[in-house]
Amino acid sequence: MEKGIIPKGENVEWDYDDGADVLYISFGKPKPAIGVDVGKGVILRYDEKEKKIVGMTIIGLKGMLVDLDLLGEEK
């Protein structure tokens, strides 16, 4: 497996909470990590010990897609 901040070959798991409009993405099995808010509703999940990104959370995903006119819905 290639080394890097997000190693290739990791299984990607995701869950979308429609009521909260939040997308949770994990690279590999979900594990404890710190959350790093990088702005615009994106939080990276970072494993300090392994020094890699283990997931991300996107808050307000549907709203973002509507604003970008990518869902074909009214704003």
C-alpha atoms as a PDB file:
ATOM      1  CA  MET A   1       0.000   0.000   0.000  1.00  0.00           C
ATOM      2  CA  GLU A   2       1.282   3.456  -0.915  1.00  0.00           C
ATOM      3  CA  LYS A   3       2.156   5.784   1.955  1.00  0.00           C
ATOM      4  CA  GLY A   4       0.724   9.259   2.111  1.00  0.00           C
ATOM      5  CA  ILE A   5      -1.742  11.366   4.015  1.00  0.00           C
ATOM      6  CA  ILE A   6      -4.595   9.357   2.437  1.00  0.00           C
ATOM      7  CA  PRO A   7      -3.154   5.982   1.431  1.00  0.00           C
ATOM      8  CA  LYS A   8      -4.495   4.510  -1.780  1.00  0.00           C
ATOM      9  CA  GLY A   9      -6.120   1.154  -1.355  1.00  0.00           C
ATOM     10  CA  GLU A  10      -7.996   2.058   1.831  1.00  0.00           C
ATOM     11  CA  ASN A  11     -11.661   1.097   1.852  1.00  0.00           C
ATOM     12  CA  VAL A  12     -13.900   4.141   1.862  1.00  0.00           C
ATOM     13  CA  GLU A  13     -16.984   4.020   4.066  1.00  0.00           C
ATOM     14  CA  TRP A  14     -19.590   6.759   4.150  1.00  0.00           C
ATOM     15  CA  ASP A  15     -22.864   7.680   5.756  1.00  0.00           C
ATOM     16  CA  TYR A  16     -25.177  10.574   4.944  1.00  0.00           C
ATOM     17  CA  ASP A  17     -27.514  12.026   7.582  1.00  0.00           C
ATOM     18  CA  ASP A  18     -30.311  13.575   5.500  1.00  0.00           C
ATOM     19  CA  GLY A  19     -31.951  15.308   8.475  1.00  0.00           C
ATOM     20  CA  ALA A  20     -28.732  17.034   9.503  1.00  0.00           C
ATOM     21  CA  ASP A  21     -27.410  17.348   5.909  1.00  0.00           C
ATOM     22  CA  VAL A  22     -24.034  15.902   6.909  1.00  0.00           C
ATOM     23  CA  LEU A  23     -21.831  13.458   4.972  1.00  0.00           C
ATOM     24  CA  TYR A  24     -19.399  11.341   6.995  1.00  0.00           C
ATOM     25  CA  ILE A  25     -16.526   9.679   5.091  1.00  0.00           C
ATOM     26  CA  SER A  26     -13.970   7.263   6.593  1.00  0.00           C
ATOM     27  CA  PHE A  27     -10.826   5.962   4.896  1.00  0.00           C
ATOM     28  CA  GLY A  28     -10.532   2.470   6.309  1.00  0.00           C
ATOM     29  CA  LYS A  29     -12.412   1.486   9.457  1.00  0.00           C
ATOM     30  CA  PRO A  30     -13.619   4.491  11.475  1.00  0.00           C
ATOM     31  CA  LYS A  31     -11.217   5.277  14.332  1.00  0.00           C
ATOM     32  CA  PRO A  32     -10.641   7.991  16.898  1.00  0.00           C
ATOM     33  CA  ALA A  33      -9.027  11.102  15.436  1.00  0.00           C
ATOM     34  CA  ILE A  34      -8.897  14.831  15.912  1.00  0.00           C
ATOM     35  CA  GLY A  35     -11.162  17.071  13.856  1.00  0.00           C
ATOM     36  CA  VAL A  36      -9.524  19.882  11.894  1.00  0.00           C
ATOM     37  CA  ASP A  37     -11.964  22.503  10.603  1.00  0.00           C
ATOM     38  CA  VAL A  38     -10.657  23.594   7.193  1.00  0.00           C
ATOM     39  CA  GLY A  39     -13.606  25.890   6.511  1.00  0.00           C
ATOM     40  CA  LYS A  40     -16.741  25.916   4.388  1.00  0.00           C
ATOM     41  CA  GLY A  41     -18.278  23.054   6.362  1.00  0.00           C
ATOM     42  CA  VAL A  42     -15.394  20.605   5.864  1.00  0.00           C
ATOM     43  CA  ILE A  43     -13.781  18.909   8.846  1.00  0.00           C
ATOM     44  CA  LEU A  44     -10.821  16.579   8.275  1.00  0.00           C
ATOM     45  CA  ARG A  45     -10.368  13.657  10.679  1.00  0.00           C
ATOM     46  CA  TYR A  46      -6.644  13.353  11.374  1.00  0.00           C
ATOM     47  CA  ASP A  47      -4.824  10.525  13.170  1.00  0.00           C
ATOM     48  CA  GLU A  48      -1.911  12.259  14.908  1.00  0.00           C
ATOM     49  CA  LYS A  49      -0.112   9.000  15.700  1.00  0.00           C
ATOM     50  CA  GLU A  50      -0.146   7.691  12.116  1.00  0.00           C
ATOM     51  CA  LYS A  51       0.076  11.200  10.635  1.00  0.00           C
ATOM     52  CA  LYS A  52      -2.667  10.642   8.077  1.00  0.00           C
ATOM     53  CA  ILE A  53      -6.192  11.703   7.270  1.00  0.00           C
ATOM     54  CA  VAL A  54      -8.618   8.963   8.306  1.00  0.00           C
ATOM     55  CA  GLY A  55     -11.830  10.655   7.248  1.00  0.00           C
ATOM     56  CA  MET A  56     -13.772  13.827   6.679  1.00  0.00           C
ATOM     57  CA  THR A  57     -17.112  15.332   7.540  1.00  0.00           C
ATOM     58  CA  ILE A  58     -18.959  17.662   5.182  1.00  0.00           C
ATOM     59  CA  ILE A  59     -21.612  19.775   6.885  1.00  0.00           C
ATOM     60  CA  GLY A  60     -24.368  21.267   4.710  1.00  0.00           C
ATOM     61  CA  LEU A  61     -23.579  19.143   1.638  1.00  0.00           C
ATOM     62  CA  LYS A  62     -27.014  19.351   0.021  1.00  0.00           C
ATOM     63  CA  GLY A  63     -27.098  23.102   0.579  1.00  0.00           C
ATOM     64  CA  MET A  64     -23.704  23.420  -1.118  1.00  0.00           C
ATOM     65  CA  LEU A  65     -24.834  21.338  -4.097  1.00  0.00           C
ATOM     66  CA  VAL A  66     -28.049  23.360  -4.453  1.00  0.00           C
ATOM     67  CA  ASP A  67     -26.058  26.629  -4.273  1.00  0.00           C
ATOM     68  CA  LEU A  68     -23.793  25.329  -7.054  1.00  0.00           C
ATOM     69  CA  ASP A  69     -26.878  24.300  -9.070  1.00  0.00           C
ATOM     70  CA  LEU A  70     -25.671  20.687  -9.172  1.00  0.00           C
ATOM     71  CA  LEU A  71     -28.970  19.130  -8.032  1.00  0.00           C
ATOM     72  CA  GLY A  72     -31.322  21.036 -10.314  1.00  0.00           C
ATOM     73  CA  GLU A  73     -33.342  22.251  -7.332  1.00  0.00           C
ATOM     74  CA  GLU A  74     -34.542  25.730  -6.427  1.00  0.00           C
ATOM     75  CA  LYS A  75     -32.479  27.702  -3.903  1.00  0.00           C
END
